[in-house]
Amino acid sequence: MYRYSRWGWQLKRRHPGRKLLLGFPFPYSTSTPPENEEPASPGPPPIRVSITESAGRGVFATRRIGSGDLIHTAKPVVSYPSLSSIHSVCYFCLRKLKPVTASEGCDVRFCSQECEEQSKVFLEVESKADWSAFDDYCRTRGLKYPLLVKRLACMVVSGGASADCLDILQPENLSSEMISEMGEGFSLLQSAFMKSKARDDHMAFLTEQWYINMLARFRINSFRIELAGGGSYEDLHLLALASVETEVAVGNAVYMLPSFYNHDCDPNAHIIWIDNVNARLKALREELRICYIDASMDRDARQTILFQGFGFRCSCPRCSSYGD
């Protein structure tokens, strides 16, 4: 089965005169210093968000980035474990946990006190509602994006996030048929909140249009989280291969800065998750591009999935050559 998740993007060189859309008010770490240089004080990564010639916003390098350099890391705005792994990973950072016996119960678990503390931004609201009908709806239909909407809604109700925090992200153009199919999920989400006695003023944002708008953004901006494992990412190619071959996703997440990267079927940068939901982007070659899908597929398969899943036809050099 082809995966419609994003696991790659494009990073082009900076072009003088391009409009800078925004700075970096997002969770990230600084990049690694060039070889043989002493680490400097923390600063922003060597990239900027600007307008591209044909693909809207894009991310551009502001200096030379060497092969193998860590460009930056990113923490998610919102994430959620897959329903199949919800009891085997940390409910906050998606780190894999040791298996539990039946006698130990099936409540959500955390890998650390820090993660449990940070989860309060959604957990106190979430724990007051009965989500069985909503979760069953997602499980029986194989849906993952409504679970992200559920968590974001809990964050908004608790005051931990604003209802418009993801409005800056590009939404998918939804067909009328797709929109009509989203009504049931919204009704179940709204019903769970209402039965939990959530205050009306805290739920004022929760309209069907908001629900649809969030799904339209999650569908093309979320990443499928596949943990490569281990504590090091020195061998990027082996770790990337491991994450693909295991075909095991522990959840999905949406990031702010990574969502501005564009696509190329011949990527020269790679996003990877080592042991939790925090993303790492490393350079494969000097000019940086990454791929939204499995780059090993043939051209026709790539074109079909990119068009159906992301709404565009790729015209990168690899696709244009028709040789692959």
C-alpha atoms as a PDB file:
ATOM      1  CA  MET A   1       0.000   0.000   0.000  1.00  0.00           C
ATOM      2  CA  TYR A   2       1.300   3.422  -0.888  1.00  0.00           C
ATOM      3  CA  ARG A   3       1.664   5.860   1.968  1.00  0.00           C
ATOM      4  CA  TYR A   4       0.268   9.330   1.505  1.00  0.00           C
ATOM      5  CA  SER A   5       2.241  10.757   4.413  1.00  0.00           C
ATOM      6  CA  ARG A   6       4.874  13.432   4.076  1.00  0.00           C
ATOM      7  CA  TRP A   7       8.393  12.240   4.811  1.00  0.00           C
ATOM      8  CA  GLY A   8      10.348  14.538   2.594  1.00  0.00           C
ATOM      9  CA  TRP A   9      10.540  18.075   1.330  1.00  0.00           C
ATOM     10  CA  GLN A  10      12.517  20.467  -0.816  1.00  0.00           C
ATOM     11  CA  LEU A  11      14.906  23.177   0.363  1.00  0.00           C
ATOM     12  CA  LYS A  12      16.286  25.488  -2.317  1.00  0.00           C
ATOM     13  CA  ARG A  13      19.067  28.024  -2.208  1.00  0.00           C
ATOM     14  CA  ARG A  14      18.265  31.528  -1.155  1.00  0.00           C
ATOM     15  CA  HIS A  15      17.481  33.901  -4.015  1.00  0.00           C
ATOM     16  CA  PRO A  16      18.239  37.600  -3.452  1.00  0.00           C
ATOM     17  CA  GLY A  17      15.204  39.828  -3.489  1.00  0.00           C
ATOM     18  CA  ARG A  18      12.710  37.167  -2.512  1.00  0.00           C
ATOM     19  CA  LYS A  19      10.170  38.294   0.039  1.00  0.00           C
ATOM     20  CA  LEU A  20      10.745  36.941   3.545  1.00  0.00           C
ATOM     21  CA  LEU A  21       7.356  35.862   4.834  1.00  0.00           C
ATOM     22  CA  LEU A  22       8.195  35.208   8.444  1.00  0.00           C
ATOM     23  CA  GLY A  23      10.909  34.506  10.936  1.00  0.00           C
ATOM     24  CA  PHE A  24      11.110  31.452  13.169  1.00  0.00           C
ATOM     25  CA  PRO A  25       8.631  31.684  16.059  1.00  0.00           C
ATOM     26  CA  PHE A  26       8.495  27.861  15.994  1.00  0.00           C
ATOM     27  CA  PRO A  27      10.111  25.176  18.159  1.00  0.00           C
ATOM     28  CA  TYR A  28      13.446  24.288  16.578  1.00  0.00           C
ATOM     29  CA  SER A  29      17.081  23.784  17.459  1.00  0.00           C
ATOM     30  CA  THR A  30      20.043  25.461  15.861  1.00  0.00           C
ATOM     31  CA  SER A  31      22.002  23.645  13.181  1.00  0.00           C
ATOM     32  CA  THR A  32      25.322  21.914  13.737  1.00  0.00           C
ATOM     33  CA  PRO A  33      28.424  24.090  13.280  1.00  0.00           C
ATOM     34  CA  PRO A  34      30.692  23.540  10.261  1.00  0.00           C
ATOM     35  CA  GLU A  35      33.429  20.948  10.652  1.00  0.00           C
ATOM     36  CA  ASN A  36      36.464  21.985  12.751  1.00  0.00           C
ATOM     37  CA  GLU A  37      34.613  24.949  14.235  1.00  0.00           C
ATOM     38  CA  GLU A  38      33.799  25.394  17.879  1.00  0.00           C
ATOM     39  CA  PRO A  39      30.060  25.365  18.715  1.00  0.00           C
ATOM     40  CA  ALA A  40      28.665  28.880  18.796  1.00  0.00           C
ATOM     41  CA  SER A  41      25.905  30.201  21.000  1.00  0.00           C
ATOM     42  CA  PRO A  42      22.438  28.940  19.971  1.00  0.00           C
ATOM     43  CA  GLY A  43      20.895  30.750  17.027  1.00  0.00           C
ATOM     44  CA  PRO A  44      18.371  30.246  14.269  1.00  0.00           C
ATOM     45  CA  PRO A  45      18.979  27.590  11.604  1.00  0.00           C
ATOM     46  CA  PRO A  46      20.635  28.684   8.323  1.00  0.00           C
ATOM     47  CA  ILE A  47      17.347  28.874   6.431  1.00  0.00           C
ATOM     48  CA  ARG A  48      14.542  31.308   5.708  1.00  0.00           C
ATOM     49  CA  VAL A  49      10.966  31.089   4.444  1.00  0.00           C
ATOM     50  CA  SER A  50      10.382  33.002   1.208  1.00  0.00           C
ATOM     51  CA  ILE A  51       8.212  32.995  -1.895  1.00  0.00           C
ATOM     52  CA  THR A  52       9.114  30.484  -4.617  1.00  0.00           C
ATOM     53  CA  GLU A  53       8.617  31.005  -8.336  1.00  0.00           C
ATOM     54  CA  SER A  54       5.979  28.297  -8.736  1.00  0.00           C
ATOM     55  CA  ALA A  55       5.154  26.566  -5.455  1.00  0.00           C
ATOM     56  CA  GLY A  56       4.139  29.326  -3.054  1.00  0.00           C
ATOM     57  CA  ARG A  57       6.189  29.391   0.119  1.00  0.00           C
ATOM     58  CA  GLY A  58       9.460  27.530   0.293  1.00  0.00           C
ATOM     59  CA  VAL A  59      12.491  27.207   2.545  1.00  0.00           C
ATOM     60  CA  PHE A  60      15.825  28.588   1.373  1.00  0.00           C
ATOM     61  CA  ALA A  61      19.368  28.228   2.667  1.00  0.00           C
ATOM     62  CA  THR A  62      21.048  31.397   3.877  1.00  0.00           C
ATOM     63  CA  ARG A  63      24.553  29.905   3.773  1.00  0.00           C
ATOM     64  CA  ARG A  64      26.282  26.814   2.461  1.00  0.00           C
ATOM     65  CA  ILE A  65      25.055  23.673   4.209  1.00  0.00           C
ATOM     66  CA  GLY A  66      27.406  20.727   3.968  1.00  0.00           C
ATOM     67  CA  SER A  67      26.495  17.117   3.328  1.00  0.00           C
ATOM     68  CA  GLY A  68      25.558  15.382   6.557  1.00  0.00           C
ATOM     69  CA  ASP A  69      24.928  18.599   8.489  1.00  0.00           C
ATOM     70  CA  LEU A  70      21.997  18.703  10.871  1.00  0.00           C
ATOM     71  CA  ILE A  71      19.994  21.657   9.562  1.00  0.00           C
ATOM     72  CA  HIS A  72      17.536  21.897  12.420  1.00  0.00           C
ATOM     73  CA  THR A  73      15.127  19.925  14.566  1.00  0.00           C
ATOM     74  CA  ALA A  74      11.434  20.616  15.034  1.00  0.00           C
ATOM     75  CA  LYS A  75       8.864  19.884  17.706  1.00  0.00           C
ATOM     76  CA  PRO A  76       5.276  19.291  16.585  1.00  0.00           C
ATOM     77  CA  VAL A  77       2.453  21.734  17.008  1.00  0.00           C
ATOM     78  CA  VAL A  78       0.139  18.767  17.454  1.00  0.00           C
ATOM     79  CA  SER A  79       0.655  14.995  17.349  1.00  0.00           C
ATOM     80  CA  TYR A  80      -1.304  11.853  18.114  1.00  0.00           C
ATOM     81  CA  PRO A  81      -0.321   8.177  18.384  1.00  0.00           C
ATOM     82  CA  SER A  82      -1.821   5.671  15.976  1.00  0.00           C
ATOM     83  CA  LEU A  83      -4.689   3.765  17.575  1.00  0.00           C
ATOM     84  CA  SER A  84      -2.787   0.503  17.149  1.00  0.00           C
ATOM     85  CA  SER A  85       0.173   1.783  19.180  1.00  0.00           C
ATOM     86  CA  ILE A  86      -1.626   4.026  21.653  1.00  0.00           C
ATOM     87  CA  HIS A  87      -0.724   1.796  24.625  1.00  0.00           C
ATOM     88  CA  SER A  88       2.834   1.037  23.510  1.00  0.00           C
ATOM     89  CA  VAL A  89       4.176   4.564  23.021  1.00  0.00           C
ATOM     90  CA  CYS A  90       4.383   7.699  25.127  1.00  0.00           C
ATOM     91  CA  TYR A  91       1.091   9.543  24.799  1.00  0.00           C
ATOM     92  CA  PHE A  92       2.955  12.829  24.395  1.00  0.00           C
ATOM     93  CA  CYS A  93       6.253  12.291  22.518  1.00  0.00           C
ATOM     94  CA  LEU A  94       5.452   8.886  20.891  1.00  0.00           C
ATOM     95  CA  ARG A  95       8.608   7.265  22.249  1.00  0.00           C
ATOM     96  CA  LYS A  96       8.260   3.479  22.312  1.00  0.00           C
ATOM     97  CA  LEU A  97       7.673   2.002  25.769  1.00  0.00           C
ATOM     98  CA  LYS A  98       8.195  -1.424  27.290  1.00  0.00           C
ATOM     99  CA  PRO A  99       5.196  -3.761  26.845  1.00  0.00           C
ATOM    100  CA  VAL A 100       2.778  -4.032  29.761  1.00  0.00           C
ATOM    101  CA  THR A 101       0.916  -7.067  31.021  1.00  0.00           C
ATOM    102  CA  ALA A 102      -2.865  -7.270  31.136  1.00  0.00           C
ATOM    103  CA  SER A 103      -2.796  -6.846  34.912  1.00  0.00           C
ATOM    104  CA  GLU A 104      -1.025  -3.485  34.547  1.00  0.00           C
ATOM    105  CA  GLY A 105      -3.984  -1.964  32.732  1.00  0.00           C
ATOM    106  CA  CYS A 106      -4.332  -0.140  29.429  1.00  0.00           C
ATOM    107  CA  ASP A 107      -4.364   3.535  30.418  1.00  0.00           C
ATOM    108  CA  VAL A 108      -2.256   5.906  28.367  1.00  0.00           C
ATOM    109  CA  ARG A 109       1.363   6.019  29.471  1.00  0.00           C
ATOM    110  CA  PHE A 110       4.256   8.440  29.393  1.00  0.00           C
ATOM    111  CA  CYS A 111       7.989   7.945  29.083  1.00  0.00           C
ATOM    112  CA  SER A 112       8.843  10.600  31.652  1.00  0.00           C
ATOM    113  CA  GLN A 113       7.406  12.982  34.194  1.00  0.00           C
ATOM    114  CA  GLU A 114       8.259  15.821  31.819  1.00  0.00           C
ATOM    115  CA  CYS A 115       6.059  14.380  29.062  1.00  0.00           C
ATOM    116  CA  GLU A 116       3.242  13.775  31.514  1.00  0.00           C
ATOM    117  CA  GLU A 117       3.504  17.374  32.675  1.00  0.00           C
ATOM    118  CA  GLN A 118       3.518  18.753  29.133  1.00  0.00           C
ATOM    119  CA  SER A 119       0.490  16.633  28.223  1.00  0.00           C
ATOM    120  CA  LYS A 120      -1.668  18.665  30.589  1.00  0.00           C
ATOM    121  CA  VAL A 121      -2.186  21.094  27.716  1.00  0.00           C
ATOM    122  CA  PHE A 122      -4.701  18.582  26.327  1.00  0.00           C
ATOM    123  CA  LEU A 123      -5.070  15.648  28.758  1.00  0.00           C
ATOM    124  CA  GLU A 124      -7.124  17.362  31.459  1.00  0.00           C
ATOM    125  CA  VAL A 125      -9.779  18.252  28.884  1.00  0.00           C
ATOM    126  CA  GLU A 126      -9.513  14.979  26.976  1.00  0.00           C
ATOM    127  CA  SER A 127      -9.907  12.819  30.087  1.00  0.00           C
ATOM    128  CA  LYS A 128     -13.290  14.373  30.905  1.00  0.00           C
ATOM    129  CA  ALA A 129     -14.929  13.111  27.708  1.00  0.00           C
ATOM    130  CA  ASP A 130     -15.940   9.676  26.447  1.00  0.00           C
ATOM    131  CA  TRP A 131     -14.149   9.245  23.100  1.00  0.00           C
ATOM    132  CA  SER A 132     -15.166   5.645  22.428  1.00  0.00           C
ATOM    133  CA  ALA A 133     -17.621   6.493  19.617  1.00  0.00           C
ATOM    134  CA  PHE A 134     -15.225   8.948  17.972  1.00  0.00           C
ATOM    135  CA  ASP A 135     -12.255   6.571  18.239  1.00  0.00           C
ATOM    136  CA  ASP A 136     -14.330   3.678  16.872  1.00  0.00           C
ATOM    137  CA  TYR A 137     -15.356   5.879  13.948  1.00  0.00           C
ATOM    138  CA  CYS A 138     -11.672   6.547  13.178  1.00  0.00           C
ATOM    139  CA  ARG A 139     -10.639   2.938  13.745  1.00  0.00           C
ATOM    140  CA  THR A 140     -13.266   1.296  11.554  1.00  0.00           C
ATOM    141  CA  ARG A 141     -12.596   3.721   8.687  1.00  0.00           C
ATOM    142  CA  GLY A 142      -8.838   3.770   9.053  1.00  0.00           C
ATOM    143  CA  LEU A 143      -8.810   7.540   9.683  1.00  0.00           C
ATOM    144  CA  LYS A 144      -5.892   9.318  11.343  1.00  0.00           C
ATOM    145  CA  TYR A 145      -6.386  13.028  10.691  1.00  0.00           C
ATOM    146  CA  PRO A 146      -9.567  13.389  12.816  1.00  0.00           C
ATOM    147  CA  LEU A 147      -7.484  12.218  15.790  1.00  0.00           C
ATOM    148  CA  LEU A 148      -5.180  15.209  15.257  1.00  0.00           C
ATOM    149  CA  VAL A 149      -8.242  17.487  15.162  1.00  0.00           C
ATOM    150  CA  LYS A 150      -9.447  15.918  18.413  1.00  0.00           C
ATOM    151  CA  ARG A 151      -6.172  16.663  20.169  1.00  0.00           C
ATOM    152  CA  LEU A 152      -5.940  20.191  18.808  1.00  0.00           C
ATOM    153  CA  ALA A 153      -9.527  20.849  19.905  1.00  0.00           C
ATOM    154  CA  CYS A 154      -8.651  19.703  23.434  1.00  0.00           C
ATOM    155  CA  MET A 155      -5.659  22.050  23.395  1.00  0.00           C
ATOM    156  CA  VAL A 156      -7.871  24.960  22.317  1.00  0.00           C
ATOM    157  CA  VAL A 157     -10.529  24.209  24.942  1.00  0.00           C
ATOM    158  CA  SER A 158      -7.843  24.088  27.647  1.00  0.00           C
ATOM    159  CA  GLY A 159      -6.363  27.392  26.501  1.00  0.00           C
ATOM    160  CA  GLY A 160      -3.109  25.778  25.407  1.00  0.00           C
ATOM    161  CA  ALA A 161      -3.515  26.705  21.733  1.00  0.00           C
ATOM    162  CA  SER A 162      -5.489  29.162  19.649  1.00  0.00           C
ATOM    163  CA  ALA A 163      -8.143  27.924  17.241  1.00  0.00           C
ATOM    164  CA  ASP A 164      -6.392  29.666  14.335  1.00  0.00           C
ATOM    165  CA  CYS A 165      -2.830  28.533  15.171  1.00  0.00           C
ATOM    166  CA  LEU A 166      -2.549  26.496  11.941  1.00  0.00           C
ATOM    167  CA  ASP A 167      -4.346  28.878   9.597  1.00  0.00           C
ATOM    168  CA  ILE A 168      -1.005  29.853   8.044  1.00  0.00           C
ATOM    169  CA  LEU A 169      -0.592  26.337   6.614  1.00  0.00           C
ATOM    170  CA  GLN A 170      -1.728  25.558   3.084  1.00  0.00           C
ATOM    171  CA  PRO A 171      -5.049  23.626   3.021  1.00  0.00           C
ATOM    172  CA  GLU A 172      -6.004  20.906   0.571  1.00  0.00           C
ATOM    173  CA  ASN A 173      -8.700  21.702  -1.963  1.00  0.00           C
ATOM    174  CA  LEU A 174     -11.488  19.384  -0.795  1.00  0.00           C
ATOM    175  CA  SER A 175     -14.207  18.092  -3.089  1.00  0.00           C
ATOM    176  CA  SER A 176     -17.856  18.408  -2.066  1.00  0.00           C
ATOM    177  CA  GLU A 177     -17.968  14.633  -1.634  1.00  0.00           C
ATOM    178  CA  MET A 178     -15.003  14.685   0.747  1.00  0.00           C
ATOM    179  CA  ILE A 179     -16.567  17.491   2.770  1.00  0.00           C
ATOM    180  CA  SER A 180     -19.895  15.662   3.081  1.00  0.00           C
ATOM    181  CA  GLU A 181     -18.078  12.594   4.452  1.00  0.00           C
ATOM    182  CA  MET A 182     -16.574  14.678   7.253  1.00  0.00           C
ATOM    183  CA  GLY A 183     -19.924  15.535   8.840  1.00  0.00           C
ATOM    184  CA  GLU A 184     -20.189  12.356  10.897  1.00  0.00           C
ATOM    185  CA  GLY A 185     -16.767  12.843  12.446  1.00  0.00           C
ATOM    186  CA  PHE A 186     -17.593  16.414  13.433  1.00  0.00           C
ATOM    187  CA  SER A 187     -20.891  15.352  15.020  1.00  0.00           C
ATOM    188  CA  LEU A 188     -19.127  12.707  17.122  1.00  0.00           C
ATOM    189  CA  LEU A 189     -16.404  15.146  18.178  1.00  0.00           C
ATOM    190  CA  GLN A 190     -18.908  17.834  19.128  1.00  0.00           C
ATOM    191  CA  SER A 191     -21.092  15.337  20.982  1.00  0.00           C
ATOM    192  CA  ALA A 192     -18.171  14.096  23.084  1.00  0.00           C
ATOM    193  CA  PHE A 193     -17.354  17.630  24.190  1.00  0.00           C
ATOM    194  CA  MET A 194     -20.981  18.498  24.929  1.00  0.00           C
ATOM    195  CA  LYS A 195     -21.483  15.372  27.053  1.00  0.00           C
ATOM    196  CA  SER A 196     -18.323  16.238  28.994  1.00  0.00           C
ATOM    197  CA  LYS A 197     -20.029  19.472  30.109  1.00  0.00           C
ATOM    198  CA  ALA A 198     -17.391  21.674  28.497  1.00  0.00           C
ATOM    199  CA  ARG A 199     -18.213  25.349  28.827  1.00  0.00           C
ATOM    200  CA  ASP A 200     -20.030  26.874  25.854  1.00  0.00           C
ATOM    201  CA  ASP A 201     -17.637  29.826  25.633  1.00  0.00           C
ATOM    202  CA  HIS A 202     -14.692  27.415  25.465  1.00  0.00           C
ATOM    203  CA  MET A 203     -16.362  25.545  22.606  1.00  0.00           C
ATOM    204  CA  ALA A 204     -17.417  28.550  20.527  1.00  0.00           C
ATOM    205  CA  PHE A 205     -14.663  27.836  17.980  1.00  0.00           C
ATOM    206  CA  LEU A 206     -15.827  24.232  17.422  1.00  0.00           C
ATOM    207  CA  THR A 207     -17.910  24.608  14.276  1.00  0.00           C
ATOM    208  CA  GLU A 208     -18.183  22.184  11.386  1.00  0.00           C
ATOM    209  CA  GLN A 209     -16.293  24.662   9.221  1.00  0.00           C
ATOM    210  CA  TRP A 210     -13.388  24.757  11.696  1.00  0.00           C
ATOM    211  CA  TYR A 211     -13.317  20.961  11.739  1.00  0.00           C
ATOM    212  CA  ILE A 212     -13.210  20.823   7.926  1.00  0.00           C
ATOM    213  CA  ASN A 213     -10.558  23.553   7.756  1.00  0.00           C
ATOM    214  CA  MET A 214      -8.306  21.636  10.140  1.00  0.00           C
ATOM    215  CA  LEU A 215      -8.732  18.376   8.222  1.00  0.00           C
ATOM    216  CA  ALA A 216      -7.908  20.197   4.978  1.00  0.00           C
ATOM    217  CA  ARG A 217      -4.599  21.305   6.527  1.00  0.00           C
ATOM    218  CA  PHE A 218      -3.755  18.044   8.254  1.00  0.00           C
ATOM    219  CA  ARG A 219      -4.302  16.031   5.082  1.00  0.00           C
ATOM    220  CA  ILE A 220      -1.351  17.662   3.280  1.00  0.00           C
ATOM    221  CA  ASN A 221       0.796  18.911   6.159  1.00  0.00           C
ATOM    222  CA  SER A 222       0.946  15.955   8.540  1.00  0.00           C
ATOM    223  CA  PHE A 223       3.883  13.585   8.747  1.00  0.00           C
ATOM    224  CA  ARG A 224       3.684   9.865   9.424  1.00  0.00           C
ATOM    225  CA  ILE A 225       6.051   9.202  12.328  1.00  0.00           C
ATOM    226  CA  GLU A 226       8.249   6.163  11.767  1.00  0.00           C
ATOM    227  CA  LEU A 227      10.913   5.802  14.436  1.00  0.00           C
ATOM    228  CA  ALA A 228      14.292   4.653  13.161  1.00  0.00           C
ATOM    229  CA  GLY A 229      15.393   3.648  16.665  1.00  0.00           C
ATOM    230  CA  GLY A 230      18.752   3.970  18.337  1.00  0.00           C
ATOM    231  CA  GLY A 231      20.353   6.982  19.911  1.00  0.00           C
ATOM    232  CA  SER A 232      22.453   8.235  16.997  1.00  0.00           C
ATOM    233  CA  TYR A 233      21.747   9.507  13.507  1.00  0.00           C
ATOM    234  CA  GLU A 234      25.271   9.507  12.117  1.00  0.00           C
ATOM    235  CA  ASP A 235      24.398   7.020   9.399  1.00  0.00           C
ATOM    236  CA  LEU A 236      21.428   8.800   7.895  1.00  0.00           C
ATOM    237  CA  HIS A 237      20.920   6.416   4.989  1.00  0.00           C
ATOM    238  CA  LEU A 238      20.723   3.316   7.169  1.00  0.00           C
ATOM    239  CA  LEU A 239      18.324   4.951   9.579  1.00  0.00           C
ATOM    240  CA  ALA A 240      16.104   6.160   6.748  1.00  0.00           C
ATOM    241  CA  LEU A 241      16.072   2.684   5.250  1.00  0.00           C
ATOM    242  CA  ALA A 242      15.155   1.167   8.595  1.00  0.00           C
ATOM    243  CA  SER A 243      12.220   3.525   9.061  1.00  0.00           C
ATOM    244  CA  VAL A 244      10.820   2.642   5.649  1.00  0.00           C
ATOM    245  CA  GLU A 245      11.371  -1.103   5.794  1.00  0.00           C
ATOM    246  CA  THR A 246       9.722  -1.583   9.176  1.00  0.00           C
ATOM    247  CA  GLU A 247       6.471  -0.041   7.857  1.00  0.00           C
ATOM    248  CA  VAL A 248       5.563   0.762  11.448  1.00  0.00           C
ATOM    249  CA  ALA A 249       4.100   4.178  12.153  1.00  0.00           C
ATOM    250  CA  VAL A 250       3.691   5.160  15.790  1.00  0.00           C
ATOM    251  CA  GLY A 251       1.528   8.164  14.987  1.00  0.00           C
ATOM    252  CA  ASN A 252       1.165  11.379  13.020  1.00  0.00           C
ATOM    253  CA  ALA A 253       2.240  14.958  13.648  1.00  0.00           C
ATOM    254  CA  VAL A 254       2.055  18.448  12.197  1.00  0.00           C
ATOM    255  CA  TYR A 255       4.991  20.849  12.395  1.00  0.00           C
ATOM    256  CA  MET A 256       5.138  24.511  11.535  1.00  0.00           C
ATOM    257  CA  LEU A 257       8.512  25.106   9.862  1.00  0.00           C
ATOM    258  CA  PRO A 258       8.755  21.687   8.142  1.00  0.00           C
ATOM    259  CA  SER A 259       5.368  22.295   6.535  1.00  0.00           C
ATOM    260  CA  PHE A 260       6.872  25.121   4.466  1.00  0.00           C
ATOM    261  CA  TYR A 261       9.295  22.808   2.669  1.00  0.00           C
ATOM    262  CA  ASN A 262       8.459  21.766  -0.884  1.00  0.00           C
ATOM    263  CA  HIS A 263       8.887  18.449  -2.660  1.00  0.00           C
ATOM    264  CA  ASP A 264      11.386  16.820  -5.010  1.00  0.00           C
ATOM    265  CA  CYS A 265      11.521  13.170  -6.122  1.00  0.00           C
ATOM    266  CA  ASP A 266      15.318  13.327  -5.960  1.00  0.00           C
ATOM    267  CA  PRO A 267      15.706  14.736  -2.447  1.00  0.00           C
ATOM    268  CA  ASN A 268      18.989  15.979  -1.059  1.00  0.00           C
ATOM    269  CA  ALA A 269      17.798  16.399   2.509  1.00  0.00           C
ATOM    270  CA  HIS A 270      15.946  13.991   4.730  1.00  0.00           C
ATOM    271  CA  ILE A 271      13.597  14.192   7.678  1.00  0.00           C
ATOM    272  CA  ILE A 272      13.931  11.446  10.243  1.00  0.00           C
ATOM    273  CA  TRP A 273      12.666  10.521  13.680  1.00  0.00           C
ATOM    274  CA  ILE A 274      15.105   8.697  15.933  1.00  0.00           C
ATOM    275  CA  ASP A 275      13.282   7.821  19.145  1.00  0.00           C
ATOM    276  CA  ASN A 276      10.389  10.267  19.497  1.00  0.00           C
ATOM    277  CA  VAL A 277       8.198  12.735  17.616  1.00  0.00           C
ATOM    278  CA  ASN A 278      10.857  15.465  17.461  1.00  0.00           C
ATOM    279  CA  ALA A 279      11.948  15.693  13.812  1.00  0.00           C
ATOM    280  CA  ARG A 280      15.526  16.005  12.561  1.00  0.00           C
ATOM    281  CA  LEU A 281      16.446  17.305   9.136  1.00  0.00           C
ATOM    282  CA  LYS A 282      19.871  16.459   7.724  1.00  0.00           C
ATOM    283  CA  ALA A 283      21.492  17.369   4.438  1.00  0.00           C
ATOM    284  CA  LEU A 284      22.334  14.667   1.900  1.00  0.00           C
ATOM    285  CA  ARG A 285      23.982  17.065  -0.551  1.00  0.00           C
ATOM    286  CA  GLU A 286      24.644  20.786  -0.627  1.00  0.00           C
ATOM    287  CA  GLU A 287      21.402  22.020  -2.177  1.00  0.00           C
ATOM    288  CA  LEU A 288      18.607  20.668  -0.020  1.00  0.00           C
ATOM    289  CA  ARG A 289      15.447  18.946  -1.204  1.00  0.00           C
ATOM    290  CA  ILE A 290      13.384  16.147   0.323  1.00  0.00           C
ATOM    291  CA  CYS A 291      10.675  13.790  -0.914  1.00  0.00           C
ATOM    292  CA  TYR A 292       7.076  13.591   0.361  1.00  0.00           C
ATOM    293  CA  ILE A 293       6.738   9.898  -0.567  1.00  0.00           C
ATOM    294  CA  ASP A 294       8.779   6.743  -1.135  1.00  0.00           C
ATOM    295  CA  ALA A 295      11.346   7.918  -3.701  1.00  0.00           C
ATOM    296  CA  SER A 296      12.064   4.347  -4.830  1.00  0.00           C
ATOM    297  CA  MET A 297       8.742   4.095  -6.683  1.00  0.00           C
ATOM    298  CA  ASP A 298       8.639   4.478 -10.458  1.00  0.00           C
ATOM    299  CA  ARG A 299       7.679   7.781 -12.093  1.00  0.00           C
ATOM    300  CA  ASP A 300       4.039   6.903 -12.826  1.00  0.00           C
ATOM    301  CA  ALA A 301       3.421   5.741  -9.265  1.00  0.00           C
ATOM    302  CA  ARG A 302       5.062   8.872  -7.846  1.00  0.00           C
ATOM    303  CA  GLN A 303       3.036  11.146 -10.115  1.00  0.00           C
ATOM    304  CA  THR A 304      -0.229   9.402  -9.211  1.00  0.00           C
ATOM    305  CA  ILE A 305       0.331   9.534  -5.456  1.00  0.00           C
ATOM    306  CA  LEU A 306       1.567  13.124  -5.459  1.00  0.00           C
ATOM    307  CA  PHE A 307      -1.436  14.261  -7.484  1.00  0.00           C
ATOM    308  CA  GLN A 308      -4.020  12.286  -5.507  1.00  0.00           C
ATOM    309  CA  GLY A 309      -2.479  12.859  -2.115  1.00  0.00           C
ATOM    310  CA  PHE A 310      -1.032  16.366  -2.440  1.00  0.00           C
ATOM    311  CA  GLY A 311      -2.767  17.922  -5.428  1.00  0.00           C
ATOM    312  CA  PHE A 312       0.171  18.656  -7.745  1.00  0.00           C
ATOM    313  CA  ARG A 313       2.105  17.046 -10.581  1.00  0.00           C
ATOM    314  CA  CYS A 314       5.824  16.932  -9.903  1.00  0.00           C
ATOM    315  CA  SER A 315       8.086  18.510 -12.527  1.00  0.00           C
ATOM    316  CA  CYS A 316      11.416  17.930 -10.798  1.00  0.00           C
ATOM    317  CA  PRO A 317      14.387  16.941 -13.024  1.00  0.00           C
ATOM    318  CA  ARG A 318      13.921  13.281 -12.193  1.00  0.00           C
ATOM    319  CA  CYS A 319      10.259  13.257 -13.233  1.00  0.00           C
ATOM    320  CA  SER A 320      10.904  15.446 -16.278  1.00  0.00           C
ATOM    321  CA  SER A 321      13.578  13.082 -17.613  1.00  0.00           C
ATOM    322  CA  TYR A 322      11.040  10.240 -18.010  1.00  0.00           C
ATOM    323  CA  GLY A 323      13.925   7.840 -17.486  1.00  0.00           C
ATOM    324  CA  ASP A 324      12.823   6.735 -14.004  1.00  0.00           C
END
